[in-house]
Amino acid sequence: MPDPAAPENPPSGGAPPSSGPSACGGRPKIVAIGIAPLGIISIGIVPMGVISIGVVPMGVLSLGAVAMGVINASVVGMGILIAGVNVMGVWWVGMEGMGPYRLGSPSGQVHHHHNHSSGQGQPNLYAYPSREEALRKAKELGCEGAHAMGSLWMPCEQHPTP
């Protein structure tokens, strides 16, 4: 049983493990590696730092499977500028994504609708650069009017609900 009157610092004079350089509330290491490392450059399972590389990285620049950060490259991720398979960001590039600006898209913006009832899962892209194009498509679809979606126009007065 530990002695309650014993000093918190080990005899060598080092700090207790809970206040070490990469613990929460402590100073981050320059390079940290581990399960949940905290460092300027972090590599691990759930790395946290300015540059984070790992399975679930969280940092300003994040590289990994499921990433969160300002700039990301990941399979699934969220950020300001992001590249990946299924992503959500302000500026994004990927197979599927959400956000106002899809990089590499002719109009710079894409809006997806998914027809869940057909089972096909293919997106229907009904976003047009002009109101006139959206009105023409509305007639084809059997609805009236058009509505704005960001800087694009979509057919029908109301946005469809899934």
C-alpha atoms as a PDB file:
ATOM      1  CA  MET A   1       0.000   0.000   0.000  1.00  0.00           C
ATOM      2  CA  PRO A   2       1.465   3.417  -0.931  1.00  0.00           C
ATOM      3  CA  ASP A   3       2.441   5.757   1.866  1.00  0.00           C
ATOM      4  CA  PRO A   4       0.042   8.789   1.795  1.00  0.00           C
ATOM      5  CA  ALA A   5       2.782  10.998   3.261  1.00  0.00           C
ATOM      6  CA  ALA A   6       5.232  10.108   0.462  1.00  0.00           C
ATOM      7  CA  PRO A   7       6.141  12.954  -1.961  1.00  0.00           C
ATOM      8  CA  GLU A   8       4.443  12.934  -5.368  1.00  0.00           C
ATOM      9  CA  ASN A   9       7.725  13.188  -7.264  1.00  0.00           C
ATOM     10  CA  PRO A  10       9.738   9.998  -7.574  1.00  0.00           C
ATOM     11  CA  PRO A  11      13.104   9.935  -5.768  1.00  0.00           C
ATOM     12  CA  SER A  12      14.959  10.659  -9.037  1.00  0.00           C
ATOM     13  CA  GLY A  13      13.374  14.124  -9.068  1.00  0.00           C
ATOM     14  CA  GLY A  14      11.335  13.520 -12.237  1.00  0.00           C
ATOM     15  CA  ALA A  15       7.742  14.636 -12.594  1.00  0.00           C
ATOM     16  CA  PRO A  16       4.895  12.199 -12.033  1.00  0.00           C
ATOM     17  CA  PRO A  17       3.646  10.492 -15.225  1.00  0.00           C
ATOM     18  CA  SER A  18       0.371  12.454 -15.293  1.00  0.00           C
ATOM     19  CA  SER A  19       2.182  15.755 -15.855  1.00  0.00           C
ATOM     20  CA  GLY A  20       4.770  14.483 -18.343  1.00  0.00           C
ATOM     21  CA  PRO A  21       5.536  16.306 -21.582  1.00  0.00           C
ATOM     22  CA  SER A  22       2.843  14.640 -23.703  1.00  0.00           C
ATOM     23  CA  ALA A  23      -0.004  14.272 -21.198  1.00  0.00           C
ATOM     24  CA  CYS A  24      -3.172  16.357 -21.323  1.00  0.00           C
ATOM     25  CA  GLY A  25      -2.487  19.749 -19.830  1.00  0.00           C
ATOM     26  CA  GLY A  26       1.268  19.304 -20.237  1.00  0.00           C
ATOM     27  CA  ARG A  27       3.588  20.677 -22.866  1.00  0.00           C
ATOM     28  CA  PRO A  28       3.540  18.703 -26.114  1.00  0.00           C
ATOM     29  CA  LYS A  29       6.651  16.939 -27.367  1.00  0.00           C
ATOM     30  CA  ILE A  30       8.215  17.974 -30.659  1.00  0.00           C
ATOM     31  CA  VAL A  31       7.628  14.432 -32.038  1.00  0.00           C
ATOM     32  CA  ALA A  32       5.226  12.109 -30.236  1.00  0.00           C
ATOM     33  CA  ILE A  33       4.468   8.483 -31.127  1.00  0.00           C
ATOM     34  CA  GLY A  34       1.901   6.236 -29.435  1.00  0.00           C
ATOM     35  CA  ILE A  35      -1.752   5.409 -28.905  1.00  0.00           C
ATOM     36  CA  ALA A  36      -2.920   9.000 -28.281  1.00  0.00           C
ATOM     37  CA  PRO A  37       0.246  11.077 -28.684  1.00  0.00           C
ATOM     38  CA  LEU A  38       0.278  14.836 -28.190  1.00  0.00           C
ATOM     39  CA  GLY A  39       3.052  16.600 -30.043  1.00  0.00           C
ATOM     40  CA  ILE A  40       3.902  19.146 -32.685  1.00  0.00           C
ATOM     41  CA  ILE A  41       4.306  16.128 -35.015  1.00  0.00           C
ATOM     42  CA  SER A  42       2.177  13.210 -33.784  1.00  0.00           C
ATOM     43  CA  ILE A  43       2.110   9.665 -35.147  1.00  0.00           C
ATOM     44  CA  GLY A  44      -0.200   7.002 -33.734  1.00  0.00           C
ATOM     45  CA  ILE A  45      -3.693   5.626 -33.325  1.00  0.00           C
ATOM     46  CA  VAL A  46      -5.373   8.919 -32.288  1.00  0.00           C
ATOM     47  CA  PRO A  47      -2.601  11.489 -32.777  1.00  0.00           C
ATOM     48  CA  MET A  48      -3.168  15.122 -31.799  1.00  0.00           C
ATOM     49  CA  GLY A  49      -0.872  17.909 -32.926  1.00  0.00           C
ATOM     50  CA  VAL A  50      -0.051  20.425 -35.596  1.00  0.00           C
ATOM     51  CA  ILE A  51       0.883  17.603 -38.012  1.00  0.00           C
ATOM     52  CA  SER A  52      -0.994  14.380 -37.194  1.00  0.00           C
ATOM     53  CA  ILE A  53      -0.488  11.059 -38.962  1.00  0.00           C
ATOM     54  CA  GLY A  54      -2.434   7.962 -37.940  1.00  0.00           C
ATOM     55  CA  VAL A  55      -5.695   6.078 -37.853  1.00  0.00           C
ATOM     56  CA  VAL A  56      -7.848   8.922 -36.426  1.00  0.00           C
ATOM     57  CA  PRO A  57      -5.627  12.021 -36.650  1.00  0.00           C
ATOM     58  CA  MET A  58      -6.699  15.400 -35.285  1.00  0.00           C
ATOM     59  CA  GLY A  59      -4.512  18.339 -36.196  1.00  0.00           C
ATOM     60  CA  VAL A  60      -3.975  21.335 -38.402  1.00  0.00           C
ATOM     61  CA  LEU A  61      -2.592  18.977 -41.079  1.00  0.00           C
ATOM     62  CA  SER A  62      -4.069  15.480 -40.720  1.00  0.00           C
ATOM     63  CA  LEU A  63      -3.196  12.357 -42.721  1.00  0.00           C
ATOM     64  CA  GLY A  64      -5.007   9.108 -41.950  1.00  0.00           C
ATOM     65  CA  ALA A  65      -8.051   6.874 -42.222  1.00  0.00           C
ATOM     66  CA  VAL A  66     -10.629   9.055 -40.414  1.00  0.00           C
ATOM     67  CA  ALA A  67      -9.244  12.579 -40.100  1.00  0.00           C
ATOM     68  CA  MET A  68     -10.330  15.894 -38.592  1.00  0.00           C
ATOM     69  CA  GLY A  69      -8.385  19.085 -39.116  1.00  0.00           C
ATOM     70  CA  VAL A  70      -7.916  22.197 -41.160  1.00  0.00           C
ATOM     71  CA  ILE A  71      -6.173  20.414 -44.072  1.00  0.00           C
ATOM     72  CA  ASN A  72      -6.837  16.666 -44.454  1.00  0.00           C
ATOM     73  CA  ALA A  73      -5.981  13.744 -46.672  1.00  0.00           C
ATOM     74  CA  SER A  74      -7.997  10.742 -45.527  1.00  0.00           C
ATOM     75  CA  VAL A  75     -10.481   8.039 -46.461  1.00  0.00           C
ATOM     76  CA  VAL A  76     -13.221   9.731 -44.402  1.00  0.00           C
ATOM     77  CA  GLY A  77     -12.726  13.206 -43.023  1.00  0.00           C
ATOM     78  CA  MET A  78     -13.855  16.683 -42.074  1.00  0.00           C
ATOM     79  CA  GLY A  79     -11.936  19.905 -42.537  1.00  0.00           C
ATOM     80  CA  ILE A  80     -11.575  23.168 -44.365  1.00  0.00           C
ATOM     81  CA  LEU A  81      -9.531  21.816 -47.301  1.00  0.00           C
ATOM     82  CA  ILE A  82      -9.876  18.047 -47.705  1.00  0.00           C
ATOM     83  CA  ALA A  83      -9.134  15.211 -50.105  1.00  0.00           C
ATOM     84  CA  GLY A  84     -10.486  11.704 -49.598  1.00  0.00           C
ATOM     85  CA  VAL A  85     -13.091   9.111 -50.485  1.00  0.00           C
ATOM     86  CA  ASN A  86     -16.038  10.368 -48.400  1.00  0.00           C
ATOM     87  CA  VAL A  87     -15.435  13.871 -47.097  1.00  0.00           C
ATOM     88  CA  MET A  88     -17.022  17.010 -45.706  1.00  0.00           C
ATOM     89  CA  GLY A  89     -15.285  20.348 -46.035  1.00  0.00           C
ATOM     90  CA  VAL A  90     -15.422  23.845 -47.411  1.00  0.00           C
ATOM     91  CA  TRP A  91     -13.125  22.989 -50.342  1.00  0.00           C
ATOM     92  CA  TRP A  92     -13.059  19.277 -51.114  1.00  0.00           C
ATOM     93  CA  VAL A  93     -12.124  16.658 -53.651  1.00  0.00           C
ATOM     94  CA  GLY A  94     -13.197  13.034 -53.469  1.00  0.00           C
ATOM     95  CA  MET A  95     -15.570  10.345 -54.660  1.00  0.00           C
ATOM     96  CA  GLU A  96     -18.404  11.555 -52.411  1.00  0.00           C
ATOM     97  CA  GLY A  97     -18.565  14.680 -50.341  1.00  0.00           C
ATOM     98  CA  MET A  98     -20.401  17.586 -48.839  1.00  0.00           C
ATOM     99  CA  GLY A  99     -19.429  21.198 -48.881  1.00  0.00           C
ATOM    100  CA  PRO A 100     -19.890  24.324 -50.908  1.00  0.00           C
ATOM    101  CA  TYR A 101     -16.879  23.965 -53.223  1.00  0.00           C
ATOM    102  CA  ARG A 102     -15.853  20.754 -54.963  1.00  0.00           C
ATOM    103  CA  LEU A 103     -12.373  21.226 -56.410  1.00  0.00           C
ATOM    104  CA  GLY A 104     -12.003  20.156 -60.026  1.00  0.00           C
ATOM    105  CA  SER A 105     -15.732  20.480 -60.726  1.00  0.00           C
ATOM    106  CA  PRO A 106     -16.559  22.614 -63.786  1.00  0.00           C
ATOM    107  CA  SER A 107     -18.879  24.885 -61.798  1.00  0.00           C
ATOM    108  CA  GLY A 108     -16.873  24.566 -58.577  1.00  0.00           C
ATOM    109  CA  GLN A 109     -20.006  23.366 -56.786  1.00  0.00           C
ATOM    110  CA  VAL A 110     -21.942  20.106 -56.734  1.00  0.00           C
ATOM    111  CA  HIS A 111     -25.067  19.145 -54.850  1.00  0.00           C
ATOM    112  CA  HIS A 112     -26.113  15.476 -54.530  1.00  0.00           C
ATOM    113  CA  HIS A 113     -29.526  13.880 -54.137  1.00  0.00           C
ATOM    114  CA  HIS A 114     -29.765  10.167 -53.468  1.00  0.00           C
ATOM    115  CA  ASN A 115     -32.754   8.136 -54.586  1.00  0.00           C
ATOM    116  CA  HIS A 116     -32.971   5.714 -51.651  1.00  0.00           C
ATOM    117  CA  SER A 117     -36.215   4.066 -52.798  1.00  0.00           C
ATOM    118  CA  SER A 118     -34.778   2.670 -56.054  1.00  0.00           C
ATOM    119  CA  GLY A 119     -31.940   0.883 -54.279  1.00  0.00           C
ATOM    120  CA  GLN A 120     -29.475   2.030 -56.935  1.00  0.00           C
ATOM    121  CA  GLY A 121     -27.741   4.586 -54.734  1.00  0.00           C
ATOM    122  CA  GLN A 122     -26.638   6.662 -57.736  1.00  0.00           C
ATOM    123  CA  PRO A 123     -26.626  10.426 -57.149  1.00  0.00           C
ATOM    124  CA  ASN A 124     -28.954  12.593 -59.241  1.00  0.00           C
ATOM    125  CA  LEU A 125     -27.226  15.883 -59.973  1.00  0.00           C
ATOM    126  CA  TYR A 126     -29.870  18.560 -60.503  1.00  0.00           C
ATOM    127  CA  ALA A 127     -27.872  21.707 -59.817  1.00  0.00           C
ATOM    128  CA  TYR A 128     -27.464  24.212 -62.629  1.00  0.00           C
ATOM    129  CA  PRO A 129     -25.513  27.454 -63.054  1.00  0.00           C
ATOM    130  CA  SER A 130     -28.594  29.383 -64.262  1.00  0.00           C
ATOM    131  CA  ARG A 131     -32.203  29.684 -63.115  1.00  0.00           C
ATOM    132  CA  GLU A 132     -33.399  29.158 -66.694  1.00  0.00           C
ATOM    133  CA  GLU A 133     -31.753  25.704 -66.908  1.00  0.00           C
ATOM    134  CA  ALA A 134     -33.318  24.717 -63.580  1.00  0.00           C
ATOM    135  CA  LEU A 135     -36.766  25.872 -64.786  1.00  0.00           C
ATOM    136  CA  ARG A 136     -36.420  23.739 -67.952  1.00  0.00           C
ATOM    137  CA  LYS A 137     -35.517  20.696 -65.822  1.00  0.00           C
ATOM    138  CA  ALA A 138     -38.463  21.424 -63.493  1.00  0.00           C
ATOM    139  CA  LYS A 139     -40.859  21.085 -66.448  1.00  0.00           C
ATOM    140  CA  GLU A 140     -39.255  17.718 -67.340  1.00  0.00           C
ATOM    141  CA  LEU A 141     -39.661  16.554 -63.751  1.00  0.00           C
ATOM    142  CA  GLY A 142     -43.276  17.723 -63.529  1.00  0.00           C
ATOM    143  CA  CYS A 143     -42.808  20.444 -60.924  1.00  0.00           C
ATOM    144  CA  GLU A 144     -42.907  24.242 -61.035  1.00  0.00           C
ATOM    145  CA  GLY A 145     -40.326  26.904 -60.266  1.00  0.00           C
ATOM    146  CA  ALA A 146     -36.702  26.752 -59.134  1.00  0.00           C
ATOM    147  CA  HIS A 147     -34.763  27.470 -55.951  1.00  0.00           C
ATOM    148  CA  ALA A 148     -31.243  28.650 -55.216  1.00  0.00           C
ATOM    149  CA  MET A 149     -28.693  26.270 -53.696  1.00  0.00           C
ATOM    150  CA  GLY A 150     -25.516  28.174 -52.943  1.00  0.00           C
ATOM    151  CA  SER A 151     -24.457  29.756 -56.222  1.00  0.00           C
ATOM    152  CA  LEU A 152     -26.409  27.172 -58.266  1.00  0.00           C
ATOM    153  CA  TRP A 153     -30.077  26.700 -59.125  1.00  0.00           C
ATOM    154  CA  MET A 154     -32.185  23.581 -58.611  1.00  0.00           C
ATOM    155  CA  PRO A 155     -35.529  22.659 -60.200  1.00  0.00           C
ATOM    156  CA  CYS A 156     -38.829  22.861 -58.250  1.00  0.00           C
ATOM    157  CA  GLU A 157     -39.903  25.560 -55.801  1.00  0.00           C
ATOM    158  CA  GLN A 158     -39.117  23.410 -52.760  1.00  0.00           C
ATOM    159  CA  HIS A 159     -36.019  21.360 -52.009  1.00  0.00           C
ATOM    160  CA  PRO A 160     -36.947  17.639 -51.942  1.00  0.00           C
ATOM    161  CA  THR A 161     -36.882  15.853 -48.607  1.00  0.00           C
ATOM    162  CA  PRO A 162     -35.249  12.401 -48.402  1.00  0.00           C
END
